């Protein structure tokens, strides 16, 4: 059940901030290996925060593009499986401009969640 405040993204950000700003520096001084693992954990929390905040809209856009591209509706998983099936069977050409635009947009959304500093 959704709560009012703090929201899930706010909680994830607060946890990541504490671990990054206080726990990681302390571990770096005493246990460098654990400091590194803490940075990995902090990065994972940041990904979860972005997924929570950006993921639903990215999924909605991907679903809409796939439904248009394939000319039918279904779940996001079903539509992705159908596109993969069409590519494997050769019924859809990998040079299809609409498909490539869809894949580029989907990839950009995934990168914005996984590593927004990449671009």
Protein backbone atom coordinates (compact mmCIF):
# COMPACT_ATOMS: atom_id res chain seq x y z
CA UNK A 1 0.00 0.00 0.00
CA UNK A 2 1.34 3.40 -0.96
CA UNK A 3 2.17 5.82 1.80
CA UNK A 4 2.07 9.60 1.61
CA UNK A 5 5.54 10.70 2.72
CA UNK A 6 8.25 9.77 2.56
CA UNK A 7 7.73 8.11 -0.80
CA UNK A 8 9.68 5.03 -1.85
CA UNK A 9 12.05 7.11 -4.03
CA UNK A 10 12.62 9.53 -1.13
CA UNK A 11 13.43 6.66 1.24
CA UNK A 12 15.83 5.09 -1.24
CA UNK A 13 17.54 8.44 -1.76
CA UNK A 14 17.86 9.06 1.99
CA UNK A 15 19.36 5.60 2.56
CA UNK A 16 21.79 6.00 -0.34
CA UNK A 17 22.80 9.48 0.85
CA UNK A 18 23.54 8.23 4.38
CA UNK A 19 25.53 5.25 3.12
CA UNK A 20 27.46 7.36 0.58
CA UNK A 21 28.19 10.33 2.83
CA UNK A 22 28.74 8.67 6.23
CA UNK A 23 29.12 4.91 6.11
CA UNK A 24 31.30 4.60 3.01
CA UNK A 25 33.99 7.10 4.12
CA UNK A 26 34.22 5.33 7.50
CA UNK A 27 34.56 1.95 5.83
CA UNK A 28 37.13 3.29 3.36
CA UNK A 29 39.35 4.20 6.32
CA UNK A 30 38.96 0.92 8.19
CA UNK A 31 37.86 -1.72 5.66
CA UNK A 32 38.59 -0.65 2.06
CA UNK A 33 37.07 -3.83 0.60
CA UNK A 34 33.82 -3.17 2.45
CA UNK A 35 33.98 0.46 1.35
CA UNK A 36 34.03 -0.71 -2.27
CA UNK A 37 31.11 -3.06 -1.63
CA UNK A 38 29.23 -0.22 0.01
CA UNK A 39 29.70 1.94 -3.11
CA UNK A 40 28.24 -0.93 -5.18
CA UNK A 41 25.27 -1.10 -2.77
CA UNK A 42 24.78 2.69 -2.93
CA UNK A 43 24.81 2.56 -6.73
CA UNK A 44 22.23 -0.25 -6.62
CA UNK A 45 19.99 1.86 -4.38
CA UNK A 46 20.28 4.74 -6.84
CA UNK A 47 19.21 2.44 -9.68
CA UNK A 48 16.22 1.26 -7.62
CA UNK A 49 15.26 4.87 -6.90
CA UNK A 50 15.38 5.79 -10.60
CA UNK A 51 13.51 2.59 -11.52
CA UNK A 52 10.79 3.45 -9.01
CA UNK A 53 10.53 7.03 -10.28
CA UNK A 54 11.12 6.62 -14.03
CA UNK A 55 10.26 2.99 -14.73
CA UNK A 56 6.45 3.13 -14.92
CA UNK A 57 6.46 5.91 -17.52
CA UNK A 58 9.27 4.24 -19.48
CA UNK A 59 7.25 1.00 -19.51
CA UNK A 60 4.14 2.88 -20.65
CA UNK A 61 6.03 4.48 -23.54
CA UNK A 62 7.61 1.16 -24.53
CA UNK A 63 4.22 -0.56 -24.44
CA UNK A 64 2.63 2.15 -26.60
CA UNK A 65 5.47 1.98 -29.16
CA UNK A 66 5.31 -1.81 -29.34
CA UNK A 67 1.51 -1.86 -29.69
CA UNK A 68 1.79 0.60 -32.59
CA UNK A 69 4.71 -1.23 -34.17
CA UNK A 70 3.06 -4.65 -33.96
CA UNK A 71 -0.49 -3.47 -34.61
CA UNK A 72 -1.92 -5.26 -31.59
CA UNK A 73 -2.19 -4.99 -27.84
CA UNK A 74 -0.99 -7.27 -25.09
CA UNK A 75 1.21 -7.16 -22.03
CA UNK A 76 4.62 -5.58 -22.36
CA UNK A 77 6.22 -9.03 -22.02
CA UNK A 78 3.93 -10.51 -24.68
CA UNK A 79 4.67 -7.69 -27.12
CA UNK A 80 8.43 -7.97 -26.56
CA UNK A 81 8.24 -11.74 -27.12
CA UNK A 82 6.29 -11.17 -30.33
CA UNK A 83 8.85 -8.68 -31.64
CA UNK A 84 11.65 -11.14 -30.82
CA UNK A 85 9.73 -13.94 -32.55
CA UNK A 86 9.28 -11.80 -35.67
CA UNK A 87 12.97 -10.96 -35.75
CA UNK A 88 14.04 -14.59 -35.28
CA UNK A 89 11.67 -15.84 -37.95
CA UNK A 90 12.68 -13.14 -40.41
CA UNK A 91 9.16 -11.71 -40.72
CA UNK A 92 10.49 -8.38 -39.45
CA UNK A 93 13.64 -6.94 -40.96
CA UNK A 94 16.25 -5.53 -38.59
CA UNK A 95 16.48 -2.49 -40.90
CA UNK A 96 12.86 -1.52 -40.15
CA UNK A 97 13.14 2.21 -39.29
CA UNK A 98 10.16 2.21 -36.91
CA UNK A 99 11.54 -0.77 -35.04
CA UNK A 100 14.97 0.81 -34.77
CA UNK A 101 13.44 4.05 -33.46
CA UNK A 102 11.56 1.99 -30.86
CA UNK A 103 14.73 0.13 -29.82
CA UNK A 104 16.73 3.37 -29.57
CA UNK A 105 14.03 5.00 -27.40
CA UNK A 106 13.75 1.92 -25.19
CA UNK A 107 17.52 1.76 -24.78
CA UNK A 108 17.68 5.47 -23.88
CA UNK A 109 15.02 4.94 -21.19
CA UNK A 110 16.89 1.95 -19.77
CA UNK A 111 20.18 3.88 -19.70
CA UNK A 112 18.48 6.81 -17.94
CA UNK A 113 17.57 4.37 -15.17
CA UNK A 114 20.74 2.28 -15.06
CA UNK A 115 23.39 4.96 -15.58
CA UNK A 116 22.16 8.50 -16.34
CA UNK A 117 25.73 9.85 -16.48
CA UNK A 118 26.49 7.60 -19.46
CA UNK A 119 25.46 10.18 -22.06
